């Protein structure tokens, strides 16, 4: 989130965050629990983020079809976890994702 805000072309007057934890930023930050249901700007940002994530998952599926990204969109479904167990993680898998971390450590 800090990188995203730092990459903005314009400095925000305020940063609204969905959740209870506010990142350390050089701008006023307001954390709103359930913000995606309460704040239109957070709702819109959530929709844009999901559309971008889905597009990224389609691109990952084209490169790594064995993981089924087109179906589970990166969520830890039984199918995703089975593909991880069978093929191991690909370079794009987050090392902080519990099942990936366990595969790399174990």
PDB file of N, CA and C in Angstrom:
ATOM      1  N   UNK A   1       0.824  -1.183   0.000  1.00  0.00           N
ATOM      2  CA  UNK A   1       0.000   0.000   0.000  1.00  0.00           C
ATOM      3  C   UNK A   1       0.876   1.257   0.000  1.00  0.00           C
ATOM      4  N   UNK A   2       1.970   1.193   0.727  1.00  0.00           N
ATOM      5  CA  UNK A   2       2.878   2.342   0.754  1.00  0.00           C
ATOM      6  C   UNK A   2       3.457   2.598  -0.635  1.00  0.00           C
ATOM      7  N   UNK A   3       3.833   1.533  -1.350  1.00  0.00           N
ATOM      8  CA  UNK A   3       4.363   1.689  -2.712  1.00  0.00           C
ATOM      9  C   UNK A   3       3.299   2.254  -3.644  1.00  0.00           C
ATOM     10  N   UNK A   4       2.062   1.807  -3.497  1.00  0.00           N
ATOM     11  CA  UNK A   4       0.981   2.290  -4.355  1.00  0.00           C
ATOM     12  C   UNK A   4       0.765   3.784  -4.155  1.00  0.00           C
ATOM     13  N   UNK A   5       0.732   4.208  -2.915  1.00  0.00           N
ATOM     14  CA  UNK A   5       0.524   5.636  -2.626  1.00  0.00           C
ATOM     15  C   UNK A   5       1.740   6.437  -3.081  1.00  0.00           C
ATOM     16  N   UNK A   6       2.932   5.906  -2.867  1.00  0.00           N
ATOM     17  CA  UNK A   6       4.145   6.614  -3.295  1.00  0.00           C
ATOM     18  C   UNK A   6       4.193   6.781  -4.814  1.00  0.00           C
ATOM     19  N   UNK A   7       3.557   5.873  -5.545  1.00  0.00           N
ATOM     20  CA  UNK A   7       3.567   5.924  -7.001  1.00  0.00           C
ATOM     21  C   UNK A   7       2.510   6.819  -7.610  1.00  0.00           C
ATOM     22  N   UNK A   8       1.692   7.457  -6.797  1.00  0.00           N
ATOM     23  CA  UNK A   8       0.645   8.337  -7.326  1.00  0.00           C
ATOM     24  C   UNK A   8       1.252   9.598  -7.937  1.00  0.00           C
ATOM     25  N   UNK A   9       0.668  10.036  -9.033  1.00  0.00           N
ATOM     26  CA  UNK A   9       1.146  11.252  -9.690  1.00  0.00           C
ATOM     27  C   UNK A   9       0.792  12.500  -8.881  1.00  0.00           C
ATOM     28  N   UNK A  10      -0.319  12.444  -8.164  1.00  0.00           N
ATOM     29  CA  UNK A  10      -0.756  13.559  -7.326  1.00  0.00           C
ATOM     30  C   UNK A  10      -0.736  13.132  -5.863  1.00  0.00           C
ATOM     31  N   UNK A  11      -0.403  14.058  -4.992  1.00  0.00           N
ATOM     32  CA  UNK A  11      -0.413  13.757  -3.562  1.00  0.00           C
ATOM     33  C   UNK A  11      -1.853  13.729  -3.068  1.00  0.00           C
ATOM     34  N   UNK A  12      -2.254  12.669  -2.366  1.00  0.00           N
ATOM     35  CA  UNK A  12      -3.635  12.607  -1.875  1.00  0.00           C
ATOM     36  C   UNK A  12      -3.850  13.542  -0.690  1.00  0.00           C
ATOM     37  N   UNK A  13      -5.071  14.059  -0.580  1.00  0.00           N
ATOM     38  CA  UNK A  13      -5.433  14.860   0.592  1.00  0.00           C
ATOM     39  C   UNK A  13      -5.641  13.943   1.785  1.00  0.00           C
ATOM     40  N   UNK A  14      -6.100  12.718   1.503  1.00  0.00           N
ATOM     41  CA  UNK A  14      -6.340  11.725   2.547  1.00  0.00           C
ATOM     42  C   UNK A  14      -6.307  10.340   1.904  1.00  0.00           C
ATOM     43  N   UNK A  15      -5.861   9.351   2.656  1.00  0.00           N
ATOM     44  CA  UNK A  15      -5.844   7.966   2.191  1.00  0.00           C
ATOM     45  C   UNK A  15      -6.856   7.187   3.019  1.00  0.00           C
ATOM     46  N   UNK A  16      -7.804   6.553   2.327  1.00  0.00           N
ATOM     47  CA  UNK A  16      -8.796   5.718   2.992  1.00  0.00           C
ATOM     48  C   UNK A  16      -8.392   4.268   2.818  1.00  0.00           C
ATOM     49  N   UNK A  17      -8.420   3.521   3.909  1.00  0.00           N
ATOM     50  CA  UNK A  17      -7.980   2.131   3.911  1.00  0.00           C
ATOM     51  C   UNK A  17      -9.113   1.248   4.412  1.00  0.00           C
ATOM     52  N   UNK A  18      -9.361   0.152   3.704  1.00  0.00           N
ATOM     53  CA  UNK A  18     -10.357  -0.817   4.146  1.00  0.00           C
ATOM     54  C   UNK A  18      -9.712  -1.730   5.179  1.00  0.00           C
ATOM     55  N   UNK A  19     -10.172  -1.653   6.406  1.00  0.00           N
ATOM     56  CA  UNK A  19      -9.613  -2.480   7.471  1.00  0.00           C
ATOM     57  C   UNK A  19      -9.350  -1.666   8.712  1.00  0.00           C
ATOM     58  N   UNK A  20      -8.678  -2.288   9.662  1.00  0.00           N
ATOM     59  CA  UNK A  20      -8.420  -1.576  10.919  1.00  0.00           C
ATOM     60  C   UNK A  20      -6.980  -1.106  11.066  1.00  0.00           C
ATOM     61  N   UNK A  21      -6.108  -1.536  10.152  1.00  0.00           N
ATOM     62  CA  UNK A  21      -4.703  -1.147  10.240  1.00  0.00           C
ATOM     63  C   UNK A  21      -4.386  -0.073   9.206  1.00  0.00           C
ATOM     64  N   UNK A  22      -3.820   1.020   9.650  1.00  0.00           N
ATOM     65  CA  UNK A  22      -3.451   2.119   8.756  1.00  0.00           C
ATOM     66  C   UNK A  22      -1.943   2.094   8.530  1.00  0.00           C
ATOM     67  N   UNK A  23      -1.523   2.099   7.268  1.00  0.00           N
ATOM     68  CA  UNK A  23      -0.081   2.119   6.999  1.00  0.00           C
ATOM     69  C   UNK A  23       0.521   3.464   7.371  1.00  0.00           C
ATOM     70  N   UNK A  24       1.808   3.469   7.582  1.00  0.00           N
ATOM     71  CA  UNK A  24       2.522   4.709   7.859  1.00  0.00           C
ATOM     72  C   UNK A  24       2.746   5.436   6.536  1.00  0.00           C
ATOM     73  N   UNK A  25       2.137   6.586   6.395  1.00  0.00           N
ATOM     74  CA  UNK A  25       2.239   7.382   5.177  1.00  0.00           C
ATOM     75  C   UNK A  25       2.432   8.845   5.533  1.00  0.00           C
ATOM     76  N   UNK A  26       2.987   9.629   4.626  1.00  0.00           N
ATOM     77  CA  UNK A  26       3.161  11.055   4.895  1.00  0.00           C
ATOM     78  C   UNK A  26       1.899  11.867   4.606  1.00  0.00           C
ATOM     79  N   UNK A  27       0.746  11.212   4.625  1.00  0.00           N
ATOM     80  CA  UNK A  27      -0.549  11.858   4.383  1.00  0.00           C
ATOM     81  C   UNK A  27      -1.512  11.394   5.459  1.00  0.00           C
ATOM     82  N   UNK A  28      -2.594  12.137   5.673  1.00  0.00           N
ATOM     83  CA  UNK A  28      -3.599  11.652   6.626  1.00  0.00           C
ATOM     84  C   UNK A  28      -4.185  10.325   6.143  1.00  0.00           C
ATOM     85  N   UNK A  29      -4.305   9.366   7.057  1.00  0.00           N
ATOM     86  CA  UNK A  29      -4.826   8.040   6.731  1.00  0.00           C
ATOM     87  C   UNK A  29      -6.003   7.741   7.646  1.00  0.00           C
ATOM     88  N   UNK A  30      -7.083   7.224   7.058  1.00  0.00           N
ATOM     89  CA  UNK A  30      -8.238   6.787   7.842  1.00  0.00           C
ATOM     90  C   UNK A  30      -8.525   5.330   7.519  1.00  0.00           C
ATOM     91  N   UNK A  31      -8.410   4.468   8.517  1.00  0.00           N
ATOM     92  CA  UNK A  31      -8.749   3.058   8.360  1.00  0.00           C
ATOM     93  C   UNK A  31     -10.222   2.888   8.694  1.00  0.00           C
ATOM     94  N   UNK A  32     -10.944   2.185   7.824  1.00  0.00           N
ATOM     95  CA  UNK A  32     -12.381   2.000   7.996  1.00  0.00           C
ATOM     96  C   UNK A  32     -12.688   0.507   7.929  1.00  0.00           C
ATOM     97  N   UNK A  33     -13.089  -0.063   9.040  1.00  0.00           N
ATOM     98  CA  UNK A  33     -13.472  -1.474   9.060  1.00  0.00           C
ATOM     99  C   UNK A  33     -14.750  -1.618   8.234  1.00  0.00           C
ATOM    100  N   UNK A  34     -14.726  -2.539   7.281  1.00  0.00           N
ATOM    101  CA  UNK A  34     -15.866  -2.711   6.378  1.00  0.00           C
ATOM    102  C   UNK A  34     -15.974  -1.577   5.376  1.00  0.00           C
ATOM    103  N   UNK A  35     -14.850  -0.933   5.104  1.00  0.00           N
ATOM    104  CA  UNK A  35     -14.830   0.243   4.236  1.00  0.00           C
ATOM    105  C   UNK A  35     -15.350  -0.004   2.841  1.00  0.00           C
ATOM    106  N   UNK A  36     -15.188  -1.227   2.326  1.00  0.00           N
ATOM    107  CA  UNK A  36     -15.679  -1.493   0.974  1.00  0.00           C
ATOM    108  C   UNK A  36     -17.203  -1.447   0.902  1.00  0.00           C
ATOM    109  N   UNK A  37     -17.877  -1.593   2.021  1.00  0.00           N
ATOM    110  CA  UNK A  37     -19.337  -1.497   2.054  1.00  0.00           C
ATOM    111  C   UNK A  37     -19.807  -0.108   2.489  1.00  0.00           C
ATOM    112  N   UNK A  38     -18.914   0.669   3.089  1.00  0.00           N
ATOM    113  CA  UNK A  38     -19.314   1.958   3.662  1.00  0.00           C
ATOM    114  C   UNK A  38     -18.847   3.177   2.879  1.00  0.00           C
ATOM    115  N   UNK A  39     -17.752   3.046   2.179  1.00  0.00           N
ATOM    116  CA  UNK A  39     -17.128   4.194   1.510  1.00  0.00           C
ATOM    117  C   UNK A  39     -17.065   3.949   0.005  1.00  0.00           C
ATOM    118  N   UNK A  40     -17.781   4.779  -0.788  1.00  0.00           N
ATOM    119  CA  UNK A  40     -17.795   4.561  -2.242  1.00  0.00           C
ATOM    120  C   UNK A  40     -16.411   4.516  -2.888  1.00  0.00           C
ATOM    121  N   UNK A  41     -15.473   5.321  -2.424  1.00  0.00           N
ATOM    122  CA  UNK A  41     -14.132   5.314  -3.021  1.00  0.00           C
ATOM    123  C   UNK A  41     -13.433   3.974  -2.770  1.00  0.00           C
ATOM    124  N   UNK A  42     -13.613   3.408  -1.586  1.00  0.00           N
ATOM    125  CA  UNK A  42     -13.011   2.111  -1.285  1.00  0.00           C
ATOM    126  C   UNK A  42     -13.710   1.021  -2.097  1.00  0.00           C
ATOM    127  N   UNK A  43     -15.034   1.113  -2.228  1.00  0.00           N
ATOM    128  CA  UNK A  43     -15.775   0.140  -3.044  1.00  0.00           C
ATOM    129  C   UNK A  43     -15.257   0.144  -4.478  1.00  0.00           C
ATOM    130  N   UNK A  44     -15.089   1.329  -5.047  1.00  0.00           N
ATOM    131  CA  UNK A  44     -14.599   1.440  -6.424  1.00  0.00           C
ATOM    132  C   UNK A  44     -13.181   0.889  -6.543  1.00  0.00           C
ATOM    133  N   UNK A  45     -12.334   1.230  -5.590  1.00  0.00           N
ATOM    134  CA  UNK A  45     -10.952   0.729  -5.614  1.00  0.00           C
ATOM    135  C   UNK A  45     -10.927  -0.791  -5.506  1.00  0.00           C
ATOM    136  N   UNK A  46     -11.806  -1.355  -4.710  1.00  0.00           N
ATOM    137  CA  UNK A  46     -11.878  -2.800  -4.554  1.00  0.00           C
ATOM    138  C   UNK A  46     -12.273  -3.474  -5.863  1.00  0.00           C
ATOM    139  N   UNK A  47     -13.233  -2.906  -6.564  1.00  0.00           N
ATOM    140  CA  UNK A  47     -13.655  -3.459  -7.854  1.00  0.00           C
ATOM    141  C   UNK A  47     -12.514  -3.380  -8.861  1.00  0.00           C
ATOM    142  N   UNK A  48     -11.850  -2.234  -8.935  1.00  0.00           N
ATOM    143  CA  UNK A  48     -10.722  -2.083  -9.865  1.00  0.00           C
ATOM    144  C   UNK A  48      -9.604  -3.069  -9.549  1.00  0.00           C
ATOM    145  N   UNK A  49      -9.322  -3.256  -8.263  1.00  0.00           N
ATOM    146  CA  UNK A  49      -8.259  -4.184  -7.861  1.00  0.00           C
ATOM    147  C   UNK A  49      -8.617  -5.614  -8.246  1.00  0.00           C
ATOM    148  N   UNK A  50      -9.881  -5.992  -8.073  1.00  0.00           N
ATOM    149  CA  UNK A  50     -10.290  -7.358  -8.421  1.00  0.00           C
ATOM    150  C   UNK A  50     -10.243  -7.587  -9.924  1.00  0.00           C
ATOM    151  N   UNK A  51     -10.634  -6.590 -10.703  1.00  0.00           N
ATOM    152  CA  UNK A  51     -10.561  -6.712 -12.165  1.00  0.00           C
ATOM    153  C   UNK A  51      -9.103  -6.841 -12.598  1.00  0.00           C
ATOM    154  N   UNK A  52      -8.216  -6.042 -12.016  1.00  0.00           N
ATOM    155  CA  UNK A  52      -6.790  -6.116 -12.352  1.00  0.00           C
ATOM    156  C   UNK A  52      -6.213  -7.467 -11.939  1.00  0.00           C
ATOM    157  N   UNK A  53      -6.577  -7.944 -10.753  1.00  0.00           N
ATOM    158  CA  UNK A  53      -6.095  -9.248 -10.288  1.00  0.00           C
ATOM    159  C   UNK A  53      -6.568 -10.356 -11.227  1.00  0.00           C
ATOM    160  N   UNK A  54      -7.846 -10.320 -11.627  1.00  0.00           N
ATOM    161  CA  UNK A  54      -8.375 -11.345 -12.534  1.00  0.00           C
ATOM    162  C   UNK A  54      -7.624 -11.332 -13.864  1.00  0.00           C
ATOM    163  N   UNK A  55      -7.309 -10.141 -14.360  1.00  0.00           N
ATOM    164  CA  UNK A  55      -6.547 -10.036 -15.609  1.00  0.00           C
ATOM    165  C   UNK A  55      -5.151 -10.647 -15.430  1.00  0.00           C
ATOM    166  N   UNK A  56      -4.519 -10.352 -14.303  1.00  0.00           N
ATOM    167  CA  UNK A  56      -3.198 -10.922 -14.015  1.00  0.00           C
ATOM    168  C   UNK A  56      -3.267 -12.440 -13.923  1.00  0.00           C
ATOM    169  N   UNK A  57      -4.335 -12.947 -13.334  1.00  0.00           N
ATOM    170  CA  UNK A  57      -4.481 -14.399 -13.210  1.00  0.00           C
ATOM    171  C   UNK A  57      -4.643 -15.050 -14.584  1.00  0.00           C
ATOM    172  N   UNK A  58      -5.321 -14.379 -15.517  1.00  0.00           N
ATOM    173  CA  UNK A  58      -5.441 -14.909 -16.880  1.00  0.00           C
ATOM    174  C   UNK A  58      -4.072 -14.957 -17.559  1.00  0.00           C
ATOM    175  N   UNK A  59      -3.263 -13.922 -17.345  1.00  0.00           N
ATOM    176  CA  UNK A  59      -1.908 -13.916 -17.907  1.00  0.00           C
ATOM    177  C   UNK A  59      -1.053 -15.023 -17.286  1.00  0.00           C
ATOM    178  N   UNK A  60      -1.180 -15.204 -15.972  1.00  0.00           N
ATOM    179  CA  UNK A  60      -0.427 -16.278 -15.310  1.00  0.00           C
ATOM    180  C   UNK A  60      -0.886 -17.648 -15.809  1.00  0.00           C
ATOM    181  N   UNK A  61      -2.186 -17.788 -16.052  1.00  0.00           N
ATOM    182  CA  UNK A  61      -2.703 -19.067 -16.555  1.00  0.00           C
ATOM    183  C   UNK A  61      -2.102 -19.394 -17.922  1.00  0.00           C
ATOM    184  N   UNK A  62      -1.933 -18.374 -18.755  1.00  0.00           N
ATOM    185  CA  UNK A  62      -1.338 -18.606 -20.085  1.00  0.00           C
ATOM    186  C   UNK A  62       0.096 -19.115 -19.959  1.00  0.00           C
ATOM    187  N   UNK A  63       0.827 -18.645 -18.947  1.00  0.00           N
ATOM    188  CA  UNK A  63       2.213 -19.082 -18.752  1.00  0.00           C
ATOM    189  C   UNK A  63       2.331 -20.374 -17.954  1.00  0.00           C
ATOM    190  N   UNK A  64       1.418 -20.569 -17.009  1.00  0.00           N
ATOM    191  CA  UNK A  64       1.469 -21.723 -16.109  1.00  0.00           C
ATOM    192  C   UNK A  64       0.098 -22.394 -16.027  1.00  0.00           C
ATOM    193  N   UNK A  65      -0.378 -23.011 -17.099  1.00  0.00           N
ATOM    194  CA  UNK A  65      -1.734 -23.581 -17.095  1.00  0.00           C
ATOM    195  C   UNK A  65      -1.916 -24.707 -16.073  1.00  0.00           C
ATOM    196  N   UNK A  66      -0.835 -25.347 -15.659  1.00  0.00           N
ATOM    197  CA  UNK A  66      -0.934 -26.464 -14.729  1.00  0.00           C
ATOM    198  C   UNK A  66      -1.482 -26.064 -13.358  1.00  0.00           C
ATOM    199  N   UNK A  67      -1.463 -24.757 -13.042  1.00  0.00           N
ATOM    200  CA  UNK A  67      -1.948 -24.308 -11.737  1.00  0.00           C
ATOM    201  C   UNK A  67      -3.431 -23.969 -11.731  1.00  0.00           C
ATOM    202  N   UNK A  68      -4.052 -23.809 -12.889  1.00  0.00           N
ATOM    203  CA  UNK A  68      -5.487 -23.508 -12.936  1.00  0.00           C
ATOM    204  C   UNK A  68      -5.859 -22.113 -12.472  1.00  0.00           C
ATOM    205  N   UNK A  69      -4.964 -21.140 -12.635  1.00  0.00           N
ATOM    206  CA  UNK A  69      -5.249 -19.766 -12.190  1.00  0.00           C
ATOM    207  C   UNK A  69      -6.543 -19.213 -12.797  1.00  0.00           C
ATOM    208  N   UNK A  70      -6.885 -19.655 -14.005  1.00  0.00           N
ATOM    209  CA  UNK A  70      -8.086 -19.151 -14.662  1.00  0.00           C
ATOM    210  C   UNK A  70      -9.342 -19.505 -13.863  1.00  0.00           C
ATOM    211  N   UNK A  71      -9.291 -20.588 -13.102  1.00  0.00           N
ATOM    212  CA  UNK A  71     -10.457 -21.014 -12.313  1.00  0.00           C
ATOM    213  C   UNK A  71     -10.471 -20.410 -10.918  1.00  0.00           C
ATOM    214  N   UNK A  72      -9.373 -20.536 -10.189  1.00  0.00           N
ATOM    215  CA  UNK A  72      -9.388 -20.145  -8.771  1.00  0.00           C
ATOM    216  C   UNK A  72      -8.881 -18.730  -8.510  1.00  0.00           C
ATOM    217  N   UNK A  73      -8.329 -18.071  -9.523  1.00  0.00           N
ATOM    218  CA  UNK A  73      -7.861 -16.675  -9.430  1.00  0.00           C
ATOM    219  C   UNK A  73      -6.892 -16.438  -8.274  1.00  0.00           C
ATOM    220  N   UNK A  74      -6.144 -17.482  -7.909  1.00  0.00           N
ATOM    221  CA  UNK A  74      -5.138 -17.319  -6.866  1.00  0.00           C
ATOM    222  C   UNK A  74      -5.623 -17.606  -5.463  1.00  0.00           C
ATOM    223  N   UNK A  75      -6.906 -17.900  -5.309  1.00  0.00           N
ATOM    224  CA  UNK A  75      -7.405 -18.243  -3.975  1.00  0.00           C
ATOM    225  C   UNK A  75      -6.979 -19.670  -3.632  1.00  0.00           C
ATOM    226  N   UNK A  76      -6.785 -19.974  -2.350  1.00  0.00           N
ATOM    227  CA  UNK A  76      -6.279 -21.291  -1.961  1.00  0.00           C
ATOM    228  C   UNK A  76      -7.355 -22.376  -1.987  1.00  0.00           C
ATOM    229  N   UNK A  77      -7.883 -22.651  -3.168  1.00  0.00           N
ATOM    230  CA  UNK A  77      -8.869 -23.718  -3.312  1.00  0.00           C
ATOM    231  C   UNK A  77      -8.167 -25.072  -3.239  1.00  0.00           C
ATOM    232  N   UNK A  78      -8.942 -26.121  -3.107  1.00  0.00           N
ATOM    233  CA  UNK A  78      -8.369 -27.470  -3.087  1.00  0.00           C
ATOM    234  C   UNK A  78      -7.598 -27.733  -4.373  1.00  0.00           C
ATOM    235  N   UNK A  79      -8.129 -27.251  -5.510  1.00  0.00           N
ATOM    236  CA  UNK A  79      -7.459 -27.439  -6.801  1.00  0.00           C
ATOM    237  C   UNK A  79      -6.101 -26.731  -6.830  1.00  0.00           C
ATOM    238  N   UNK A  80      -6.067 -25.498  -6.319  1.00  0.00           N
ATOM    239  CA  UNK A  80      -4.820 -24.732  -6.285  1.00  0.00           C
ATOM    240  C   UNK A  80      -3.796 -25.425  -5.390  1.00  0.00           C
ATOM    241  N   UNK A  81      -4.228 -25.840  -4.230  1.00  0.00           N
ATOM    242  CA  UNK A  81      -3.309 -26.493  -3.292  1.00  0.00           C
ATOM    243  C   UNK A  81      -2.795 -27.814  -3.861  1.00  0.00           C
ATOM    244  N   UNK A  82      -3.659 -28.541  -4.573  1.00  0.00           N
ATOM    245  CA  UNK A  82      -3.220 -29.792  -5.200  1.00  0.00           C
ATOM    246  C   UNK A  82      -2.179 -29.518  -6.284  1.00  0.00           C
ATOM    247  N   UNK A  83      -2.390 -28.461  -7.070  1.00  0.00           N
ATOM    248  CA  UNK A  83      -1.429 -28.104  -8.123  1.00  0.00           C
ATOM    249  C   UNK A  83      -0.099 -27.686  -7.504  1.00  0.00           C
ATOM    250  N   UNK A  84      -0.146 -26.956  -6.407  1.00  0.00           N
ATOM    251  CA  UNK A  84       1.093 -26.579  -5.706  1.00  0.00           C
ATOM    252  C   UNK A  84       1.837 -27.819  -5.215  1.00  0.00           C
ATOM    253  N   UNK A  85       1.101 -28.760  -4.657  1.00  0.00           N
ATOM    254  CA  UNK A  85       1.733 -29.977  -4.149  1.00  0.00           C
ATOM    255  C   UNK A  85       2.349 -30.784  -5.291  1.00  0.00           C
ATOM    256  N   UNK A  86       1.672 -30.807  -6.442  1.00  0.00           N
ATOM    257  CA  UNK A  86       2.160 -31.595  -7.571  1.00  0.00           C
ATOM    258  C   UNK A  86       3.320 -30.936  -8.312  1.00  0.00           C
ATOM    259  N   UNK A  87       3.219 -29.616  -8.531  1.00  0.00           N
ATOM    260  CA  UNK A  87       4.187 -28.919  -9.385  1.00  0.00           C
ATOM    261  C   UNK A  87       5.163 -28.029  -8.623  1.00  0.00           C
ATOM    262  N   UNK A  88       4.906 -27.822  -7.328  1.00  0.00           N
ATOM    263  CA  UNK A  88       5.707 -26.859  -6.585  1.00  0.00           C
ATOM    264  C   UNK A  88       5.315 -25.451  -7.004  1.00  0.00           C
ATOM    265  N   UNK A  89       5.823 -24.436  -6.319  1.00  0.00           N
ATOM    266  CA  UNK A  89       5.445 -23.066  -6.666  1.00  0.00           C
ATOM    267  C   UNK A  89       6.133 -22.590  -7.947  1.00  0.00           C
ATOM    268  N   UNK A  90       5.454 -21.700  -8.658  1.00  0.00           N
ATOM    269  CA  UNK A  90       6.069 -21.037  -9.809  1.00  0.00           C
ATOM    270  C   UNK A  90       6.738 -19.761  -9.291  1.00  0.00           C
ATOM    271  N   UNK A  91       7.532 -19.088 -10.095  1.00  0.00           N
ATOM    272  CA  UNK A  91       8.233 -17.888  -9.607  1.00  0.00           C
ATOM    273  C   UNK A  91       7.299 -16.786  -9.098  1.00  0.00           C
ATOM    274  N   UNK A  92       6.060 -16.753  -9.590  1.00  0.00           N
ATOM    275  CA  UNK A  92       5.132 -15.699  -9.185  1.00  0.00           C
ATOM    276  C   UNK A  92       4.403 -15.997  -7.884  1.00  0.00           C
ATOM    277  N   UNK A  93       4.475 -17.228  -7.384  1.00  0.00           N
ATOM    278  CA  UNK A  93       3.820 -17.521  -6.120  1.00  0.00           C
ATOM    279  C   UNK A  93       4.498 -16.727  -4.996  1.00  0.00           C
ATOM    280  N   UNK A  94       3.666 -16.163  -4.118  1.00  0.00           N
ATOM    281  CA  UNK A  94       4.198 -15.411  -2.982  1.00  0.00           C
ATOM    282  C   UNK A  94       4.790 -16.369  -1.954  1.00  0.00           C
ATOM    283  N   UNK A  95       6.019 -16.120  -1.567  1.00  0.00           N
ATOM    284  CA  UNK A  95       6.683 -16.948  -0.564  1.00  0.00           C
ATOM    285  C   UNK A  95       5.988 -16.802   0.787  1.00  0.00           C
ATOM    286  N   UNK A  96       5.298 -15.676   1.007  1.00  0.00           N
ATOM    287  CA  UNK A  96       4.602 -15.471   2.278  1.00  0.00           C
ATOM    288  C   UNK A  96       3.279 -16.237   2.340  1.00  0.00           C
ATOM    289  N   UNK A  97       2.808 -16.804   1.208  1.00  0.00           N
ATOM    290  CA  UNK A  97       1.593 -17.608   1.174  1.00  0.00           C
ATOM    291  C   UNK A  97       1.890 -18.912   1.897  1.00  0.00           C
ATOM    292  N   UNK A  98       1.143 -19.200   2.957  1.00  0.00           N
ATOM    293  CA  UNK A  98       1.418 -20.339   3.830  1.00  0.00           C
ATOM    294  C   UNK A  98       1.738 -21.640   3.117  1.00  0.00           C
ATOM    295  N   UNK A  99       0.885 -22.101   2.182  1.00  0.00           N
ATOM    296  CA  UNK A  99       1.194 -23.368   1.497  1.00  0.00           C
ATOM    297  C   UNK A  99       2.503 -23.322   0.712  1.00  0.00           C
ATOM    298  N   UNK A 100       2.849 -22.186   0.133  1.00  0.00           N
ATOM    299  CA  UNK A 100       4.119 -22.062  -0.589  1.00  0.00           C
ATOM    300  C   UNK A 100       5.273 -22.097   0.403  1.00  0.00           C
ATOM    301  N   UNK A 101       5.128 -21.362   1.482  1.00  0.00           N
ATOM    302  CA  UNK A 101       6.174 -21.342   2.514  1.00  0.00           C
ATOM    303  C   UNK A 101       6.438 -22.740   3.041  1.00  0.00           C
ATOM    304  N   UNK A 102       5.368 -23.496   3.289  1.00  0.00           N
ATOM    305  CA  UNK A 102       5.542 -24.861   3.792  1.00  0.00           C
ATOM    306  C   UNK A 102       6.248 -25.751   2.778  1.00  0.00           C
ATOM    307  N   UNK A 103       5.944 -25.579   1.488  1.00  0.00           N
ATOM    308  CA  UNK A 103       6.611 -26.368   0.454  1.00  0.00           C
ATOM    309  C   UNK A 103       8.099 -26.038   0.374  1.00  0.00           C
ATOM    310  N   UNK A 104       8.432 -24.773   0.528  1.00  0.00           N
ATOM    311  CA  UNK A 104       9.828 -24.353   0.418  1.00  0.00           C
ATOM    312  C   UNK A 104      10.636 -24.745   1.644  1.00  0.00           C
ATOM    313  N   UNK A 105       9.993 -24.736   2.810  1.00  0.00           N
ATOM    314  CA  UNK A 105      10.685 -25.091   4.050  1.00  0.00           C
ATOM    315  C   UNK A 105      10.773 -26.602   4.204  1.00  0.00           C
ATOM    316  N   UNK A 106       9.671 -27.285   3.849  1.00  0.00           N
ATOM    317  CA  UNK A 106       9.590 -28.727   4.082  1.00  0.00           C
ATOM    318  C   UNK A 106      10.249 -29.476   3.016  1.00  0.00           C
TER     319      UNK A 106
END
